[in-house]
């Protein structure tokens, strides 16, 4: 299983993340994200990167939705 991390978005432009920082995801962060997903509002803030070429893909750990390339 991929190790998840928490993405903290600092700035968006037109719905696109242009600046974010990553932190190690705690069990509490993952549980909170899962509860929001169960309520129908996935925050997409617990993510992991899938290796690709020439860019990697950022995937939501909670729902599996692609968040784009990094």
N, C-alpha and C. Protein backbone atom coordinates (compact mmCIF):
# COMPACT_ATOMS: atom_id res chain seq x y z
N UNK A 1 0.85 -1.19 0.00
CA UNK A 1 0.00 0.00 0.00
C UNK A 1 0.90 1.25 0.00
N UNK A 2 0.47 2.24 -0.72
CA UNK A 2 1.20 3.50 -0.79
C UNK A 2 1.09 4.24 0.53
N UNK A 3 2.16 4.94 0.91
CA UNK A 3 2.14 5.73 2.13
C UNK A 3 1.48 7.08 1.84
N UNK A 4 0.37 7.38 2.52
CA UNK A 4 -0.34 8.64 2.27
C UNK A 4 0.34 9.82 2.97
N UNK A 5 0.13 10.99 2.42
CA UNK A 5 0.55 12.20 3.07
C UNK A 5 -0.56 13.24 2.97
N UNK A 6 -0.50 14.24 3.80
CA UNK A 6 -1.51 15.29 3.84
C UNK A 6 -1.02 16.47 3.01
N UNK A 7 -1.83 16.89 2.05
CA UNK A 7 -1.48 18.05 1.23
C UNK A 7 -2.24 19.26 1.77
N UNK A 8 -1.49 20.28 2.15
CA UNK A 8 -2.08 21.52 2.66
C UNK A 8 -1.96 22.56 1.55
N UNK A 9 -3.09 22.90 0.94
CA UNK A 9 -3.10 23.84 -0.18
C UNK A 9 -2.94 25.26 0.35
N UNK A 10 -1.95 25.95 -0.17
CA UNK A 10 -1.66 27.33 0.24
C UNK A 10 -2.24 28.34 -0.75
N UNK A 11 -2.30 27.98 -2.04
CA UNK A 11 -2.81 28.93 -3.03
C UNK A 11 -3.40 28.18 -4.23
N UNK A 12 -4.54 28.67 -4.68
CA UNK A 12 -5.20 28.15 -5.89
C UNK A 12 -5.38 29.29 -6.86
N UNK A 13 -5.36 28.95 -8.14
CA UNK A 13 -5.62 29.94 -9.18
C UNK A 13 -6.56 29.29 -10.19
N UNK A 14 -7.79 29.78 -10.23
CA UNK A 14 -8.76 29.20 -11.15
C UNK A 14 -9.07 27.75 -10.86
N UNK A 15 -9.06 27.36 -9.61
CA UNK A 15 -9.36 25.99 -9.24
C UNK A 15 -8.16 25.05 -9.31
N UNK A 16 -7.02 25.56 -9.73
CA UNK A 16 -5.80 24.76 -9.86
C UNK A 16 -4.87 25.07 -8.69
N UNK A 17 -4.36 24.03 -8.07
CA UNK A 17 -3.41 24.22 -6.96
C UNK A 17 -2.09 24.68 -7.55
N UNK A 18 -1.62 25.83 -7.10
CA UNK A 18 -0.34 26.35 -7.57
C UNK A 18 0.74 26.33 -6.48
N UNK A 19 0.32 26.14 -5.23
CA UNK A 19 1.27 26.06 -4.13
C UNK A 19 0.66 25.23 -3.02
N UNK A 20 1.39 24.21 -2.62
CA UNK A 20 0.95 23.39 -1.50
C UNK A 20 2.16 22.85 -0.76
N UNK A 21 1.93 22.44 0.46
CA UNK A 21 2.96 21.80 1.28
C UNK A 21 2.44 20.44 1.69
N UNK A 22 3.35 19.51 1.89
CA UNK A 22 2.94 18.18 2.33
C UNK A 22 3.44 17.92 3.73
N UNK A 23 2.63 17.14 4.45
CA UNK A 23 2.96 16.74 5.81
C UNK A 23 2.67 15.24 5.92
N UNK A 24 3.27 14.61 6.89
CA UNK A 24 2.96 13.20 7.12
C UNK A 24 1.51 13.10 7.62
N UNK A 25 0.75 12.19 7.04
CA UNK A 25 -0.65 12.02 7.43
C UNK A 25 -0.73 11.17 8.70
N UNK A 26 -1.50 11.65 9.65
CA UNK A 26 -1.72 10.88 10.88
C UNK A 26 -2.97 10.03 10.73
N UNK A 27 -3.15 9.08 11.61
CA UNK A 27 -4.36 8.25 11.59
C UNK A 27 -5.60 9.12 11.78
N UNK A 28 -5.47 10.17 12.57
CA UNK A 28 -6.58 11.09 12.80
C UNK A 28 -6.94 11.83 11.50
N UNK A 29 -5.93 12.28 10.74
CA UNK A 29 -6.18 12.95 9.46
C UNK A 29 -6.90 12.03 8.48
N UNK A 30 -6.46 10.77 8.43
CA UNK A 30 -7.06 9.80 7.52
C UNK A 30 -8.50 9.51 7.92
N UNK A 31 -8.75 9.35 9.22
CA UNK A 31 -10.11 9.08 9.71
C UNK A 31 -11.04 10.25 9.43
N UNK A 32 -10.54 11.47 9.61
CA UNK A 32 -11.35 12.66 9.34
C UNK A 32 -11.72 12.75 7.86
N UNK A 33 -10.75 12.47 7.00
CA UNK A 33 -10.99 12.50 5.56
C UNK A 33 -12.00 11.42 5.16
N UNK A 34 -11.87 10.23 5.75
CA UNK A 34 -12.79 9.13 5.46
C UNK A 34 -14.21 9.48 5.90
N UNK A 35 -14.35 10.14 7.04
CA UNK A 35 -15.68 10.54 7.52
C UNK A 35 -16.31 11.56 6.59
N UNK A 36 -15.53 12.51 6.11
CA UNK A 36 -16.05 13.49 5.17
C UNK A 36 -16.43 12.83 3.84
N UNK A 37 -15.63 11.86 3.41
CA UNK A 37 -15.94 11.14 2.17
C UNK A 37 -17.25 10.37 2.32
N UNK A 38 -17.44 9.74 3.48
CA UNK A 38 -18.67 9.00 3.73
C UNK A 38 -19.89 9.92 3.72
N UNK A 39 -19.68 11.19 4.08
CA UNK A 39 -20.76 12.17 4.07
C UNK A 39 -20.96 12.78 2.68
N UNK A 40 -20.14 12.34 1.70
CA UNK A 40 -20.28 12.82 0.34
C UNK A 40 -19.47 14.05 0.01
N UNK A 41 -18.50 14.40 0.85
CA UNK A 41 -17.69 15.61 0.64
C UNK A 41 -16.21 15.30 0.83
N UNK A 42 -15.64 14.51 -0.07
CA UNK A 42 -14.23 14.13 0.05
C UNK A 42 -13.36 15.38 -0.09
N UNK A 43 -12.48 15.65 0.88
CA UNK A 43 -11.64 16.84 0.81
C UNK A 43 -10.42 16.69 -0.10
N UNK A 44 -10.12 15.45 -0.53
CA UNK A 44 -8.96 15.18 -1.40
C UNK A 44 -7.66 15.72 -0.82
N UNK A 45 -7.52 15.72 0.49
CA UNK A 45 -6.30 16.27 1.10
C UNK A 45 -5.34 15.19 1.60
N UNK A 46 -5.79 13.94 1.62
CA UNK A 46 -4.90 12.82 1.95
C UNK A 46 -4.59 12.13 0.62
N UNK A 47 -3.34 12.24 0.19
CA UNK A 47 -2.98 11.82 -1.16
C UNK A 47 -1.70 10.99 -1.16
N UNK A 48 -1.42 10.39 -2.30
CA UNK A 48 -0.13 9.73 -2.53
C UNK A 48 0.23 9.97 -3.99
N UNK A 49 1.51 9.82 -4.30
CA UNK A 49 1.98 10.03 -5.66
C UNK A 49 2.26 8.68 -6.32
N UNK A 50 1.77 8.53 -7.55
CA UNK A 50 1.99 7.34 -8.35
C UNK A 50 3.01 7.69 -9.42
N UNK A 51 4.07 6.90 -9.52
CA UNK A 51 5.14 7.19 -10.47
C UNK A 51 4.64 7.12 -11.91
N UNK A 52 5.05 8.09 -12.69
CA UNK A 52 4.72 8.14 -14.11
C UNK A 52 5.89 8.73 -14.87
N UNK A 53 5.71 8.91 -16.17
CA UNK A 53 6.77 9.53 -16.95
C UNK A 53 6.15 10.52 -17.91
N UNK A 54 6.58 11.75 -18.02
CA UNK A 54 7.68 12.38 -17.29
C UNK A 54 7.23 12.98 -15.96
N UNK A 55 5.95 12.90 -15.65
CA UNK A 55 5.44 13.46 -14.39
C UNK A 55 4.84 12.35 -13.54
N UNK A 56 4.69 12.60 -12.25
CA UNK A 56 4.01 11.68 -11.35
C UNK A 56 2.55 12.12 -11.24
N UNK A 57 1.71 11.18 -10.83
CA UNK A 57 0.29 11.47 -10.68
C UNK A 57 -0.06 11.50 -9.20
N UNK A 58 -0.79 12.52 -8.77
CA UNK A 58 -1.22 12.65 -7.39
C UNK A 58 -2.64 12.09 -7.30
N UNK A 59 -2.83 11.09 -6.43
CA UNK A 59 -4.08 10.36 -6.29
C UNK A 59 -4.63 10.56 -4.88
N UNK A 60 -5.93 10.79 -4.78
CA UNK A 60 -6.58 10.90 -3.47
C UNK A 60 -6.58 9.53 -2.81
N UNK A 61 -6.02 9.44 -1.61
CA UNK A 61 -5.94 8.19 -0.86
C UNK A 61 -7.32 7.73 -0.42
N UNK A 62 -8.22 8.66 -0.16
CA UNK A 62 -9.53 8.35 0.37
C UNK A 62 -10.49 7.79 -0.68
N UNK A 63 -10.57 8.48 -1.85
CA UNK A 63 -11.55 8.07 -2.87
C UNK A 63 -10.93 7.54 -4.15
N UNK A 64 -9.62 7.69 -4.33
CA UNK A 64 -8.96 7.18 -5.51
C UNK A 64 -9.00 8.08 -6.73
N UNK A 65 -9.56 9.27 -6.60
CA UNK A 65 -9.66 10.20 -7.72
C UNK A 65 -8.32 10.86 -8.00
N UNK A 66 -7.98 10.98 -9.29
CA UNK A 66 -6.73 11.65 -9.67
C UNK A 66 -6.85 13.13 -9.39
N UNK A 67 -5.76 13.69 -8.83
CA UNK A 67 -5.73 15.13 -8.53
C UNK A 67 -4.83 15.88 -9.50
N UNK A 68 -4.33 15.18 -10.50
CA UNK A 68 -3.50 15.81 -11.51
C UNK A 68 -2.07 15.34 -11.47
N UNK A 69 -1.23 16.02 -12.24
CA UNK A 69 0.18 15.65 -12.35
C UNK A 69 1.05 16.57 -11.51
N UNK A 70 2.11 16.01 -10.98
CA UNK A 70 3.08 16.80 -10.20
C UNK A 70 4.49 16.52 -10.69
